[in-house]
PDB file of all heavy atoms in Angstrom:
ATOM      1  N   CYS A   1     -36.623 -37.015 -44.027  1.00  0.00           N
ATOM      2  CA  CYS A   1     -35.992 -35.843 -44.642  1.00  0.00           C
ATOM      3  C   CYS A   1     -34.488 -35.800 -44.340  1.00  0.00           C
ATOM      4  O   CYS A   1     -34.031 -36.222 -43.273  1.00  0.00           O
ATOM      5  CB  CYS A   1     -36.643 -34.564 -44.126  1.00  0.00           C
ATOM      6  SG  CYS A   1     -38.425 -34.487 -44.439  1.00  0.00           S
ATOM      7  N   PHE A   2     -33.745 -35.238 -45.319  1.00  0.00           N
ATOM      8  CA  PHE A   2     -32.347 -34.932 -45.084  1.00  0.00           C
ATOM      9  C   PHE A   2     -32.260 -33.778 -44.088  1.00  0.00           C
ATOM     10  O   PHE A   2     -33.236 -33.032 -43.880  1.00  0.00           O
ATOM     11  CB  PHE A   2     -31.646 -34.550 -46.391  1.00  0.00           C
ATOM     12  CG  PHE A   2     -31.531 -35.680 -47.372  1.00  0.00           C
ATOM     13  CD1 PHE A   2     -31.857 -35.477 -48.712  1.00  0.00           C
ATOM     14  CD2 PHE A   2     -31.105 -36.933 -46.976  1.00  0.00           C
ATOM     15  CE1 PHE A   2     -31.752 -36.515 -49.611  1.00  0.00           C
ATOM     16  CE2 PHE A   2     -30.992 -37.970 -47.874  1.00  0.00           C
ATOM     17  CZ  PHE A   2     -31.319 -37.756 -49.200  1.00  0.00           C
ATOM     18  N   ILE A   3     -31.067 -33.602 -43.492  1.00  0.00           N
ATOM     19  CA  ILE A   3     -30.865 -32.511 -42.534  1.00  0.00           C
ATOM     20  C   ILE A   3     -31.129 -31.177 -43.227  1.00  0.00           C
ATOM     21  O   ILE A   3     -30.623 -30.906 -44.319  1.00  0.00           O
ATOM     22  CB  ILE A   3     -29.442 -32.555 -41.961  1.00  0.00           C
ATOM     23  CG1 ILE A   3     -29.245 -33.849 -41.160  1.00  0.00           C
ATOM     24  CG2 ILE A   3     -29.176 -31.333 -41.089  1.00  0.00           C
ATOM     25  CD1 ILE A   3     -27.837 -34.030 -40.640  1.00  0.00           C
ATOM     26  N   GLY A   4     -31.944 -30.363 -42.598  1.00  0.00           N
ATOM     27  CA  GLY A   4     -32.255 -29.055 -43.152  1.00  0.00           C
ATOM     28  C   GLY A   4     -33.609 -29.001 -43.826  1.00  0.00           C
ATOM     29  O   GLY A   4     -34.036 -27.920 -44.242  1.00  0.00           O
ATOM     30  N   TRP A   5     -34.317 -30.158 -43.915  1.00  0.00           N
ATOM     31  CA  TRP A   5     -35.631 -30.182 -44.575  1.00  0.00           C
ATOM     32  C   TRP A   5     -36.631 -30.865 -43.662  1.00  0.00           C
ATOM     33  O   TRP A   5     -36.288 -31.711 -42.842  1.00  0.00           O
ATOM     34  CB  TRP A   5     -35.549 -30.902 -45.915  1.00  0.00           C
ATOM     35  CG  TRP A   5     -34.666 -30.205 -46.896  1.00  0.00           C
ATOM     36  CD1 TRP A   5     -33.354 -30.435 -47.127  1.00  0.00           C
ATOM     37  CD2 TRP A   5     -35.042 -29.130 -47.756  1.00  0.00           C
ATOM     38  NE1 TRP A   5     -32.862 -29.575 -48.082  1.00  0.00           N
ATOM     39  CE2 TRP A   5     -33.891 -28.757 -48.495  1.00  0.00           C
ATOM     40  CE3 TRP A   5     -36.223 -28.429 -47.982  1.00  0.00           C
ATOM     41  CZ2 TRP A   5     -33.902 -27.744 -49.433  1.00  0.00           C
ATOM     42  CZ3 TRP A   5     -36.242 -27.411 -48.922  1.00  0.00           C
ATOM     43  CH2 TRP A   5     -35.088 -27.074 -49.640  1.00  0.00           C
ATOM     44  N   GLU A   6     -37.884 -30.496 -43.813  1.00  0.00           N
ATOM     45  CA  GLU A   6     -38.947 -31.060 -43.008  1.00  0.00           C
ATOM     46  C   GLU A   6     -40.241 -31.026 -43.798  1.00  0.00           C
ATOM     47  O   GLU A   6     -40.282 -30.580 -44.955  1.00  0.00           O
ATOM     48  CB  GLU A   6     -39.108 -30.277 -41.697  1.00  0.00           C
ATOM     49  CG  GLU A   6     -39.513 -28.819 -41.892  1.00  0.00           C
ATOM     50  CD  GLU A   6     -39.626 -28.071 -40.574  1.00  0.00           C
ATOM     51  OE1 GLU A   6     -39.448 -28.714 -39.529  1.00  0.00           O
ATOM     52  OE2 GLU A   6     -39.906 -26.849 -40.606  1.00  0.00           O
ATOM     53  N   GLY A   7     -41.308 -31.514 -43.162  1.00  0.00           N
ATOM     54  CA  GLY A   7     -42.610 -31.532 -43.815  1.00  0.00           C
ATOM     55  C   GLY A   7     -42.977 -32.928 -44.284  1.00  0.00           C
ATOM     56  O   GLY A   7     -42.144 -33.831 -44.385  1.00  0.00           O
ATOM     57  N   GLU A   8     -44.239 -33.093 -44.577  1.00  0.00           N
ATOM     58  CA  GLU A   8     -44.756 -34.385 -45.020  1.00  0.00           C
ATOM     59  C   GLU A   8     -44.042 -34.886 -46.253  1.00  0.00           C
ATOM     60  O   GLU A   8     -43.808 -36.090 -46.409  1.00  0.00           O
ATOM     61  CB  GLU A   8     -46.263 -34.244 -45.288  1.00  0.00           C
ATOM     62  CG  GLU A   8     -46.934 -35.495 -45.792  1.00  0.00           C
ATOM     63  CD  GLU A   8     -48.394 -35.265 -46.088  1.00  0.00           C
ATOM     64  OE1 GLU A   8     -48.957 -34.262 -45.596  1.00  0.00           O
ATOM     65  OE2 GLU A   8     -48.978 -36.087 -46.803  1.00  0.00           O
ATOM     66  N   SER A   9     -43.683 -33.987 -47.165  1.00  0.00           N
ATOM     67  CA  SER A   9     -43.017 -34.373 -48.406  1.00  0.00           C
ATOM     68  C   SER A   9     -41.565 -33.925 -48.444  1.00  0.00           C
ATOM     69  O   SER A   9     -40.931 -33.956 -49.500  1.00  0.00           O
ATOM     70  CB  SER A   9     -43.769 -33.780 -49.605  1.00  0.00           C
ATOM     71  OG  SER A   9     -45.109 -34.188 -49.616  1.00  0.00           O
ATOM     72  N   CYS A  10     -41.010 -33.502 -47.313  1.00  0.00           N
ATOM     73  CA  CYS A  10     -39.626 -33.004 -47.233  1.00  0.00           C
ATOM     74  C   CYS A  10     -39.382 -31.856 -48.211  1.00  0.00           C
ATOM     75  O   CYS A  10     -38.337 -31.767 -48.848  1.00  0.00           O
ATOM     76  CB  CYS A  10     -38.623 -34.143 -47.484  1.00  0.00           C
ATOM     77  SG  CYS A  10     -38.696 -35.467 -46.267  1.00  0.00           S
ATOM     78  N   ASP A  11     -40.381 -30.988 -48.352  1.00  0.00           N
ATOM     79  CA  ASP A  11     -40.255 -29.869 -49.278  1.00  0.00           C
ATOM     80  C   ASP A  11     -40.217 -28.515 -48.547  1.00  0.00           C
ATOM     81  O   ASP A  11     -40.317 -27.468 -49.180  1.00  0.00           O
ATOM     82  CB  ASP A  11     -41.406 -29.881 -50.284  1.00  0.00           C
ATOM     83  CG  ASP A  11     -42.769 -29.890 -49.611  1.00  0.00           C
ATOM     84  OD1 ASP A  11     -42.817 -29.970 -48.366  1.00  0.00           O
ATOM     85  OD2 ASP A  11     -43.788 -29.826 -50.335  1.00  0.00           O
ATOM     86  N   GLN A  12     -40.077 -28.545 -47.208  1.00  0.00           N
ATOM     87  CA  GLN A  12     -40.028 -27.309 -46.435  1.00  0.00           C
ATOM     88  C   GLN A  12     -38.651 -27.176 -45.791  1.00  0.00           C
ATOM     89  O   GLN A  12     -38.204 -28.074 -45.072  1.00  0.00           O
ATOM     90  CB  GLN A  12     -41.108 -27.303 -45.353  1.00  0.00           C
ATOM     91  CG  GLN A  12     -42.522 -27.455 -45.886  1.00  0.00           C
ATOM     92  CD  GLN A  12     -43.544 -27.621 -44.778  1.00  0.00           C
ATOM     93  OE1 GLN A  12     -43.250 -27.346 -43.613  1.00  0.00           O
ATOM     94  NE2 GLN A  12     -44.735 -28.085 -45.133  1.00  0.00           N
ATOM     95  N   CYS A  13     -37.979 -26.086 -46.079  1.00  0.00           N
ATOM     96  CA  CYS A  13     -36.647 -25.882 -45.504  1.00  0.00           C
ATOM     97  C   CYS A  13     -36.779 -25.493 -44.020  1.00  0.00           C
ATOM     98  O   CYS A  13     -37.787 -24.941 -43.590  1.00  0.00           O
ATOM     99  CB  CYS A  13     -35.886 -24.792 -46.263  1.00  0.00           C
ATOM    100  SG  CYS A  13     -36.718 -23.176 -46.307  1.00  0.00           S
ATOM    101  N   ILE A  14     -35.735 -25.822 -43.250  1.00  0.00           N
ATOM    102  CA  ILE A  14     -35.689 -25.471 -41.826  1.00  0.00           C
ATOM    103  C   ILE A  14     -34.919 -24.160 -41.676  1.00  0.00           C
ATOM    104  O   ILE A  14     -33.800 -24.018 -42.180  1.00  0.00           O
ATOM    105  CB  ILE A  14     -35.013 -26.589 -41.015  1.00  0.00           C
ATOM    106  CG1 ILE A  14     -35.836 -27.880 -41.119  1.00  0.00           C
ATOM    107  CG2 ILE A  14     -34.861 -26.182 -39.551  1.00  0.00           C
ATOM    108  CD1 ILE A  14     -35.205 -29.065 -40.405  1.00  0.00           C
ATOM    109  N   ARG A  15     -35.546 -23.210 -41.000  1.00  0.00           N
ATOM    110  CA  ARG A  15     -34.902 -21.908 -40.810  1.00  0.00           C
ATOM    111  C   ARG A  15     -33.726 -22.018 -39.839  1.00  0.00           C
ATOM    112  O   ARG A  15     -33.587 -23.010 -39.113  1.00  0.00           O
ATOM    113  CB  ARG A  15     -35.911 -20.899 -40.276  1.00  0.00           C
ATOM    114  CG  ARG A  15     -37.068 -20.631 -41.195  1.00  0.00           C
ATOM    115  CD  ARG A  15     -38.055 -19.688 -40.546  1.00  0.00           C
ATOM    116  NE  ARG A  15     -38.586 -20.222 -39.298  1.00  0.00           N
ATOM    117  CZ  ARG A  15     -39.388 -19.540 -38.483  1.00  0.00           C
ATOM    118  NH1 ARG A  15     -39.712 -18.284 -38.767  1.00  0.00           N
ATOM    119  NH2 ARG A  15     -39.831 -20.084 -37.371  1.00  0.00           N
ATOM    120  N   ASN A  16     -32.903 -20.986 -39.845  1.00  0.00           N
ATOM    121  CA  ASN A  16     -31.790 -20.928 -38.902  1.00  0.00           C
ATOM    122  C   ASN A  16     -32.332 -20.958 -37.469  1.00  0.00           C
ATOM    123  O   ASN A  16     -33.303 -20.264 -37.160  1.00  0.00           O
ATOM    124  CB  ASN A  16     -30.996 -19.638 -39.131  1.00  0.00           C
ATOM    125  CG  ASN A  16     -29.719 -19.625 -38.328  1.00  0.00           C
ATOM    126  OD1 ASN A  16     -28.948 -20.569 -38.366  1.00  0.00           O
ATOM    127  ND2 ASN A  16     -29.505 -18.550 -37.581  1.00  0.00           N
ATOM    128  N   PRO A  17     -31.754 -21.781 -36.587  1.00  0.00           N
ATOM    129  CA  PRO A  17     -32.256 -21.825 -35.208  1.00  0.00           C
ATOM    130  C   PRO A  17     -32.292 -20.428 -34.582  1.00  0.00           C
ATOM    131  O   PRO A  17     -31.326 -19.667 -34.672  1.00  0.00           O
ATOM    132  CB  PRO A  17     -31.246 -22.726 -34.490  1.00  0.00           C
ATOM    133  CG  PRO A  17     -30.684 -23.587 -35.573  1.00  0.00           C
ATOM    134  CD  PRO A  17     -30.631 -22.707 -36.803  1.00  0.00           C
ATOM    135  N   GLY A  18     -33.421 -20.092 -33.987  1.00  0.00           N
ATOM    136  CA  GLY A  18     -33.579 -18.777 -33.376  1.00  0.00           C
ATOM    137  C   GLY A  18     -34.277 -17.790 -34.281  1.00  0.00           C
ATOM    138  O   GLY A  18     -34.661 -16.699 -33.840  1.00  0.00           O
ATOM    139  N   CYS A  19     -34.459 -18.140 -35.548  1.00  0.00           N
ATOM    140  CA  CYS A  19     -35.146 -17.237 -36.486  1.00  0.00           C
ATOM    141  C   CYS A  19     -36.607 -17.130 -36.066  1.00  0.00           C
ATOM    142  O   CYS A  19     -37.326 -18.136 -36.003  1.00  0.00           O
ATOM    143  CB  CYS A  19     -35.023 -17.778 -37.914  1.00  0.00           C
ATOM    144  SG  CYS A  19     -35.705 -16.675 -39.175  1.00  0.00           S
ATOM    145  N   ILE A  20     -37.064 -15.911 -35.750  1.00  0.00           N
ATOM    146  CA  ILE A  20     -38.396 -15.725 -35.188  1.00  0.00           C
ATOM    147  C   ILE A  20     -39.387 -15.240 -36.232  1.00  0.00           C
ATOM    148  O   ILE A  20     -40.419 -15.873 -36.470  1.00  0.00           O
ATOM    149  CB  ILE A  20     -38.335 -14.745 -34.003  1.00  0.00           C
ATOM    150  CG1 ILE A  20     -37.409 -15.312 -32.920  1.00  0.00           C
ATOM    151  CG2 ILE A  20     -39.725 -14.483 -33.440  1.00  0.00           C
ATOM    152  CD1 ILE A  20     -37.199 -14.364 -31.753  1.00  0.00           C
ATOM    153  N   ASN A  21     -39.095 -14.140 -36.848  1.00  0.00           N
ATOM    154  CA  ASN A  21     -40.040 -13.539 -37.786  1.00  0.00           C
ATOM    155  C   ASN A  21     -39.447 -13.535 -39.196  1.00  0.00           C
ATOM    156  O   ASN A  21     -39.355 -12.506 -39.859  1.00  0.00           O
ATOM    157  CB  ASN A  21     -40.387 -12.104 -37.359  1.00  0.00           C
ATOM    158  CG  ASN A  21     -41.041 -12.064 -36.000  1.00  0.00           C
ATOM    159  OD1 ASN A  21     -42.134 -12.562 -35.821  1.00  0.00           O
ATOM    160  ND2 ASN A  21     -40.346 -11.476 -35.028  1.00  0.00           N
ATOM    161  N   GLY A  22     -39.016 -14.709 -39.630  1.00  0.00           N
ATOM    162  CA  GLY A  22     -38.397 -14.818 -40.941  1.00  0.00           C
ATOM    163  C   GLY A  22     -38.773 -16.122 -41.622  1.00  0.00           C
ATOM    164  O   GLY A  22     -39.497 -16.955 -41.085  1.00  0.00           O
ATOM    165  N   TYR A  23     -38.256 -16.325 -42.808  1.00  0.00           N
ATOM    166  CA  TYR A  23     -38.541 -17.526 -43.608  1.00  0.00           C
ATOM    167  C   TYR A  23     -37.263 -17.911 -44.344  1.00  0.00           C
ATOM    168  O   TYR A  23     -36.216 -17.254 -44.220  1.00  0.00           O
ATOM    169  CB  TYR A  23     -39.688 -17.261 -44.582  1.00  0.00           C
ATOM    170  CG  TYR A  23     -39.435 -16.121 -45.547  1.00  0.00           C
ATOM    171  CD1 TYR A  23     -38.863 -16.354 -46.805  1.00  0.00           C
ATOM    172  CD2 TYR A  23     -39.742 -14.802 -45.191  1.00  0.00           C
ATOM    173  CE1 TYR A  23     -38.625 -15.300 -47.677  1.00  0.00           C
ATOM    174  CE2 TYR A  23     -39.514 -13.761 -46.059  1.00  0.00           C
ATOM    175  CZ  TYR A  23     -38.950 -14.007 -47.300  1.00  0.00           C
ATOM    176  OH  TYR A  23     -38.710 -12.978 -48.168  1.00  0.00           O
ATOM    177  N   CYS A  24     -37.328 -19.013 -45.101  1.00  0.00           N
ATOM    178  CA  CYS A  24     -36.142 -19.478 -45.819  1.00  0.00           C
ATOM    179  C   CYS A  24     -36.526 -20.045 -47.178  1.00  0.00           C
ATOM    180  O   CYS A  24     -37.671 -20.455 -47.402  1.00  0.00           O
ATOM    181  CB  CYS A  24     -35.401 -20.547 -45.005  1.00  0.00           C
ATOM    182  SG  CYS A  24     -36.372 -22.055 -44.729  1.00  0.00           S
ATOM    183  N   HIS A  25     -35.560 -20.067 -48.073  1.00  0.00           N
ATOM    184  CA  HIS A  25     -35.666 -20.775 -49.357  1.00  0.00           C
ATOM    185  C   HIS A  25     -34.774 -21.998 -49.362  1.00  0.00           C
ATOM    186  O   HIS A  25     -35.047 -22.971 -50.064  1.00  0.00           O
ATOM    187  CB  HIS A  25     -35.271 -19.854 -50.517  1.00  0.00           C
ATOM    188  CG  HIS A  25     -36.225 -18.713 -50.715  1.00  0.00           C
ATOM    189  ND1 HIS A  25     -37.580 -18.893 -50.890  1.00  0.00           N
ATOM    190  CD2 HIS A  25     -36.016 -17.359 -50.764  1.00  0.00           C
ATOM    191  CE1 HIS A  25     -38.172 -17.710 -51.047  1.00  0.00           C
ATOM    192  NE2 HIS A  25     -37.248 -16.763 -50.975  1.00  0.00           N
ATOM    193  N   GLU A  26     -33.700 -21.933 -48.609  1.00  0.00           N
ATOM    194  CA  GLU A  26     -32.757 -23.034 -48.433  1.00  0.00           C
ATOM    195  C   GLU A  26     -32.557 -23.247 -46.933  1.00  0.00           C
ATOM    196  O   GLU A  26     -32.821 -22.342 -46.130  1.00  0.00           O
ATOM    197  CB  GLU A  26     -31.415 -22.717 -49.114  1.00  0.00           C
ATOM    198  CG  GLU A  26     -31.493 -22.579 -50.626  1.00  0.00           C
ATOM    199  CD  GLU A  26     -31.841 -23.878 -51.319  1.00  0.00           C
ATOM    200  OE1 GLU A  26     -31.559 -24.959 -50.748  1.00  0.00           O
ATOM    201  OE2 GLU A  26     -32.405 -23.836 -52.432  1.00  0.00           O
ATOM    202  N   PRO A  27     -32.097 -24.413 -46.516  1.00  0.00           N
ATOM    203  CA  PRO A  27     -31.917 -24.661 -45.078  1.00  0.00           C
ATOM    204  C   PRO A  27     -31.019 -23.632 -44.413  1.00  0.00           C
ATOM    205  O   PRO A  27     -30.059 -23.144 -45.009  1.00  0.00           O
ATOM    206  CB  PRO A  27     -31.293 -26.065 -45.045  1.00  0.00           C
ATOM    207  CG  PRO A  27     -31.775 -26.722 -46.299  1.00  0.00           C
ATOM    208  CD  PRO A  27     -31.812 -25.629 -47.325  1.00  0.00           C
ATOM    209  N   TRP A  28     -31.380 -23.322 -43.175  1.00  0.00           N
ATOM    210  CA  TRP A  28     -30.625 -22.469 -42.262  1.00  0.00           C
ATOM    211  C   TRP A  28     -30.641 -20.984 -42.663  1.00  0.00           C
ATOM    212  O   TRP A  28     -29.873 -20.189 -42.129  1.00  0.00           O
ATOM    213  CB  TRP A  28     -29.183 -22.955 -42.095  1.00  0.00           C
ATOM    214  CG  TRP A  28     -29.060 -24.449 -42.024  1.00  0.00           C
ATOM    215  CD1 TRP A  28     -28.261 -25.238 -42.781  1.00  0.00           C
ATOM    216  CD2 TRP A  28     -29.764 -25.323 -41.140  1.00  0.00           C
ATOM    217  NE1 TRP A  28     -28.428 -26.556 -42.456  1.00  0.00           N
ATOM    218  CE2 TRP A  28     -29.355 -26.645 -41.427  1.00  0.00           C
ATOM    219  CE3 TRP A  28     -30.724 -25.137 -40.140  1.00  0.00           C
ATOM    220  CZ2 TRP A  28     -29.840 -27.746 -40.751  1.00  0.00           C
ATOM    221  CZ3 TRP A  28     -31.217 -26.233 -39.470  1.00  0.00           C
ATOM    222  CH2 TRP A  28     -30.774 -27.528 -39.768  1.00  0.00           C
ATOM    223  N   GLN A  29     -31.467 -20.581 -43.576  1.00  0.00           N
ATOM    224  CA  GLN A  29     -31.612 -19.159 -43.890  1.00  0.00           C
ATOM    225  C   GLN A  29     -32.569 -18.506 -42.886  1.00  0.00           C
ATOM    226  O   GLN A  29     -33.383 -19.178 -42.244  1.00  0.00           O
ATOM    227  CB  GLN A  29     -32.168 -18.969 -45.304  1.00  0.00           C
ATOM    228  CG  GLN A  29     -31.197 -19.286 -46.423  1.00  0.00           C
ATOM    229  CD  GLN A  29     -31.834 -19.050 -47.788  1.00  0.00           C
ATOM    230  OE1 GLN A  29     -33.053 -19.115 -47.941  1.00  0.00           O
ATOM    231  NE2 GLN A  29     -30.993 -18.783 -48.776  1.00  0.00           N
ATOM    232  N   CYS A  30     -32.473 -17.182 -42.762  1.00  0.00           N
ATOM    233  CA  CYS A  30     -33.436 -16.411 -41.975  1.00  0.00           C
ATOM    234  C   CYS A  30     -33.665 -15.099 -42.713  1.00  0.00           C
ATOM    235  O   CYS A  30     -32.920 -14.123 -42.530  1.00  0.00           O
ATOM    236  CB  CYS A  30     -32.926 -16.180 -40.546  1.00  0.00           C
ATOM    237  SG  CYS A  30     -34.163 -15.428 -39.450  1.00  0.00           S
ATOM    238  N   ILE A  31     -34.645 -15.101 -43.590  1.00  0.00           N
ATOM    239  CA  ILE A  31     -34.987 -13.925 -44.389  1.00  0.00           C
ATOM    240  C   ILE A  31     -36.138 -13.216 -43.677  1.00  0.00           C
ATOM    241  O   ILE A  31     -37.218 -13.784 -43.504  1.00  0.00           O
ATOM    242  CB  ILE A  31     -35.400 -14.336 -45.812  1.00  0.00           C
ATOM    243  CG1 ILE A  31     -34.272 -15.153 -46.475  1.00  0.00           C
ATOM    244  CG2 ILE A  31     -35.744 -13.115 -46.645  1.00  0.00           C
ATOM    245  CD1 ILE A  31     -34.664 -15.759 -47.803  1.00  0.00           C
ATOM    246  N   CYS A  32     -35.915 -11.977 -43.243  1.00  0.00           N
ATOM    247  CA  CYS A  32     -36.865 -11.288 -42.368  1.00  0.00           C
ATOM    248  C   CYS A  32     -38.130 -10.867 -43.107  1.00  0.00           C
ATOM    249  O   CYS A  32     -38.100 -10.443 -44.274  1.00  0.00           O
ATOM    250  CB  CYS A  32     -36.210 -10.048 -41.748  1.00  0.00           C
ATOM    251  SG  CYS A  32     -34.847 -10.466 -40.625  1.00  0.00           S
ATOM    252  N   ASN A  33     -39.251 -10.965 -42.387  1.00  0.00           N
ATOM    253  CA  ASN A  33     -40.519 -10.444 -42.877  1.00  0.00           C
ATOM    254  C   ASN A  33     -40.554  -8.930 -42.695  1.00  0.00           C
ATOM    255  O   ASN A  33     -39.817  -8.362 -41.875  1.00  0.00           O
ATOM    256  CB  ASN A  33     -41.684 -11.078 -42.104  1.00  0.00           C
ATOM    257  CG  ASN A  33     -41.779 -12.576 -42.349  1.00  0.00           C
ATOM    258  OD1 ASN A  33     -41.568 -13.037 -43.463  1.00  0.00           O
ATOM    259  ND2 ASN A  33     -42.105 -13.337 -41.299  1.00  0.00           N
ATOM    260  N   GLY A  34     -41.434  -8.300 -43.424  1.00  0.00           N
ATOM    261  CA  GLY A  34     -41.708  -6.864 -43.414  1.00  0.00           C
ATOM    262  C   GLY A  34     -40.939  -5.967 -42.476  1.00  0.00           C
ATOM    263  O   GLY A  34     -39.868  -5.470 -42.812  1.00  0.00           O
ATOM    264  N   ASP A  35     -41.456  -5.749 -41.240  1.00  0.00           N
ATOM    265  CA  ASP A  35     -40.919  -4.737 -40.321  1.00  0.00           C
ATOM    266  C   ASP A  35     -39.935  -5.312 -39.321  1.00  0.00           C
ATOM    267  O   ASP A  35     -39.771  -4.773 -38.218  1.00  0.00           O
ATOM    268  CB  ASP A  35     -42.066  -4.052 -39.566  1.00  0.00           C
ATOM    269  CG  ASP A  35     -42.970  -3.268 -40.500  1.00  0.00           C
ATOM    270  OD1 ASP A  35     -42.477  -2.847 -41.564  1.00  0.00           O
ATOM    271  OD2 ASP A  35     -44.159  -3.097 -40.179  1.00  0.00           O
ATOM    272  N   TRP A  36     -39.262  -6.415 -39.687  1.00  0.00           N
ATOM    273  CA  TRP A  36     -38.329  -7.036 -38.752  1.00  0.00           C
ATOM    274  C   TRP A  36     -36.917  -7.012 -39.286  1.00  0.00           C
ATOM    275  O   TRP A  36     -36.701  -6.988 -40.492  1.00  0.00           O
ATOM    276  CB  TRP A  36     -38.741  -8.478 -38.457  1.00  0.00           C
ATOM    277  CG  TRP A  36     -40.076  -8.569 -37.788  1.00  0.00           C
ATOM    278  CD1 TRP A  36     -41.284  -8.663 -38.391  1.00  0.00           C
ATOM    279  CD2 TRP A  36     -40.318  -8.513 -36.392  1.00  0.00           C
ATOM    280  NE1 TRP A  36     -42.286  -8.691 -37.470  1.00  0.00           N
ATOM    281  CE2 TRP A  36     -41.718  -8.597 -36.212  1.00  0.00           C
ATOM    282  CE3 TRP A  36     -39.503  -8.401 -35.267  1.00  0.00           C
ATOM    283  CZ2 TRP A  36     -42.321  -8.575 -34.964  1.00  0.00           C
ATOM    284  CZ3 TRP A  36     -40.107  -8.400 -34.028  1.00  0.00           C
ATOM    285  CH2 TRP A  36     -41.497  -8.480 -33.861  1.00  0.00           C
ATOM    286  N   THR A  37     -35.938  -6.998 -38.369  1.00  0.00           N
ATOM    287  CA  THR A  37     -34.536  -6.977 -38.763  1.00  0.00           C
ATOM    288  C   THR A  37     -33.739  -7.740 -37.704  1.00  0.00           C
ATOM    289  O   THR A  37     -34.292  -8.293 -36.764  1.00  0.00           O
ATOM    290  CB  THR A  37     -34.027  -5.534 -38.912  1.00  0.00           C
ATOM    291  OG1 THR A  37     -32.694  -5.554 -39.445  1.00  0.00           O
ATOM    292  CG2 THR A  37     -34.004  -4.823 -37.559  1.00  0.00           C
ATOM    293  N   GLY A  38     -32.436  -7.761 -37.891  1.00  0.00           N
ATOM    294  CA  GLY A  38     -31.577  -8.488 -36.970  1.00  0.00           C
ATOM    295  C   GLY A  38     -31.228  -9.866 -37.506  1.00  0.00           C
ATOM    296  O   GLY A  38     -31.852 -10.388 -38.432  1.00  0.00           O
ATOM    297  N   LYS A  39     -30.216 -10.493 -36.908  1.00  0.00           N
ATOM    298  CA  LYS A  39     -29.755 -11.802 -37.344  1.00  0.00           C
ATOM    299  C   LYS A  39     -30.864 -12.834 -37.296  1.00  0.00           C
ATOM    300  O   LYS A  39     -30.997 -13.674 -38.181  1.00  0.00           O
ATOM    301  CB  LYS A  39     -28.585 -12.247 -36.460  1.00  0.00           C
ATOM    302  CG  LYS A  39     -28.064 -13.630 -36.789  1.00  0.00           C
ATOM    303  CD  LYS A  39     -26.952 -14.042 -35.836  1.00  0.00           C
ATOM    304  CE  LYS A  39     -26.495 -15.463 -36.139  1.00  0.00           C
ATOM    305  NZ  LYS A  39     -25.430 -15.901 -35.182  1.00  0.00           N
ATOM    306  N   ASP A  40     -31.695 -12.767 -36.240  1.00  0.00           N
ATOM    307  CA  ASP A  40     -32.773 -13.733 -36.073  1.00  0.00           C
ATOM    308  C   ASP A  40     -34.139 -13.122 -36.356  1.00  0.00           C
ATOM    309  O   ASP A  40     -35.173 -13.692 -35.984  1.00  0.00           O
ATOM    310  CB  ASP A  40     -32.771 -14.295 -34.648  1.00  0.00           C
ATOM    311  CG  ASP A  40     -31.488 -15.074 -34.346  1.00  0.00           C
ATOM    312  OD1 ASP A  40     -31.021 -15.778 -35.253  1.00  0.00           O
ATOM    313  OD2 ASP A  40     -30.986 -14.971 -33.215  1.00  0.00           O
ATOM    314  N   CYS A  41     -34.156 -11.982 -37.028  1.00  0.00           N
ATOM    315  CA  CYS A  41     -35.415 -11.295 -37.367  1.00  0.00           C
ATOM    316  C   CYS A  41     -36.281 -11.084 -36.123  1.00  0.00           C
ATOM    317  O   CYS A  41     -37.516 -11.261 -36.163  1.00  0.00           O
ATOM    318  CB  CYS A  41     -36.191 -12.091 -38.427  1.00  0.00           C
ATOM    319  SG  CYS A  41     -35.302 -12.308 -39.987  1.00  0.00           S
ATOM    320  N   ASN A  42     -35.635 -10.728 -35.006  1.00  0.00           N
ATOM    321  CA  ASN A  42     -36.349 -10.529 -33.741  1.00  0.00           C
ATOM    322  C   ASN A  42     -36.400  -9.068 -33.315  1.00  0.00           C
ATOM    323  O   ASN A  42     -36.878  -8.747 -32.233  1.00  0.00           O
ATOM    324  CB  ASN A  42     -35.697 -11.352 -32.639  1.00  0.00           C
ATOM    325  CG  ASN A  42     -34.235 -10.986 -32.422  1.00  0.00           C
ATOM    326  OD1 ASN A  42     -33.589 -10.477 -33.329  1.00  0.00           O
ATOM    327  ND2 ASN A  42     -33.708 -11.244 -31.238  1.00  0.00           N
ATOM    328  N   ILE A  43     -35.885  -8.163 -34.145  1.00  0.00           N
ATOM    329  CA  ILE A  43     -35.879  -6.737 -33.830  1.00  0.00           C
ATOM    330  C   ILE A  43     -36.985  -6.064 -34.633  1.00  0.00           C
ATOM    331  O   ILE A  43     -36.971  -6.083 -35.873  1.00  0.00           O
ATOM    332  CB  ILE A  43     -34.517  -6.098 -34.166  1.00  0.00           C
ATOM    333  CG1 ILE A  43     -33.378  -6.857 -33.460  1.00  0.00           C
ATOM    334  CG2 ILE A  43     -34.531  -4.622 -33.777  1.00  0.00           C
ATOM    335  CD1 ILE A  43     -33.513  -6.885 -31.961  1.00  0.00           C
TER     336      ILE A  43
END
């Protein structure tokens, strides 16, 4: 995989380091789930 991607088929983006309760669409994003907030979705 290129930097920022992972998975068996390199189709999974890598979240921003430290992102706990979030997800991404592009590398290094941290989009928070439901009841979480903060830069790393840890609040």
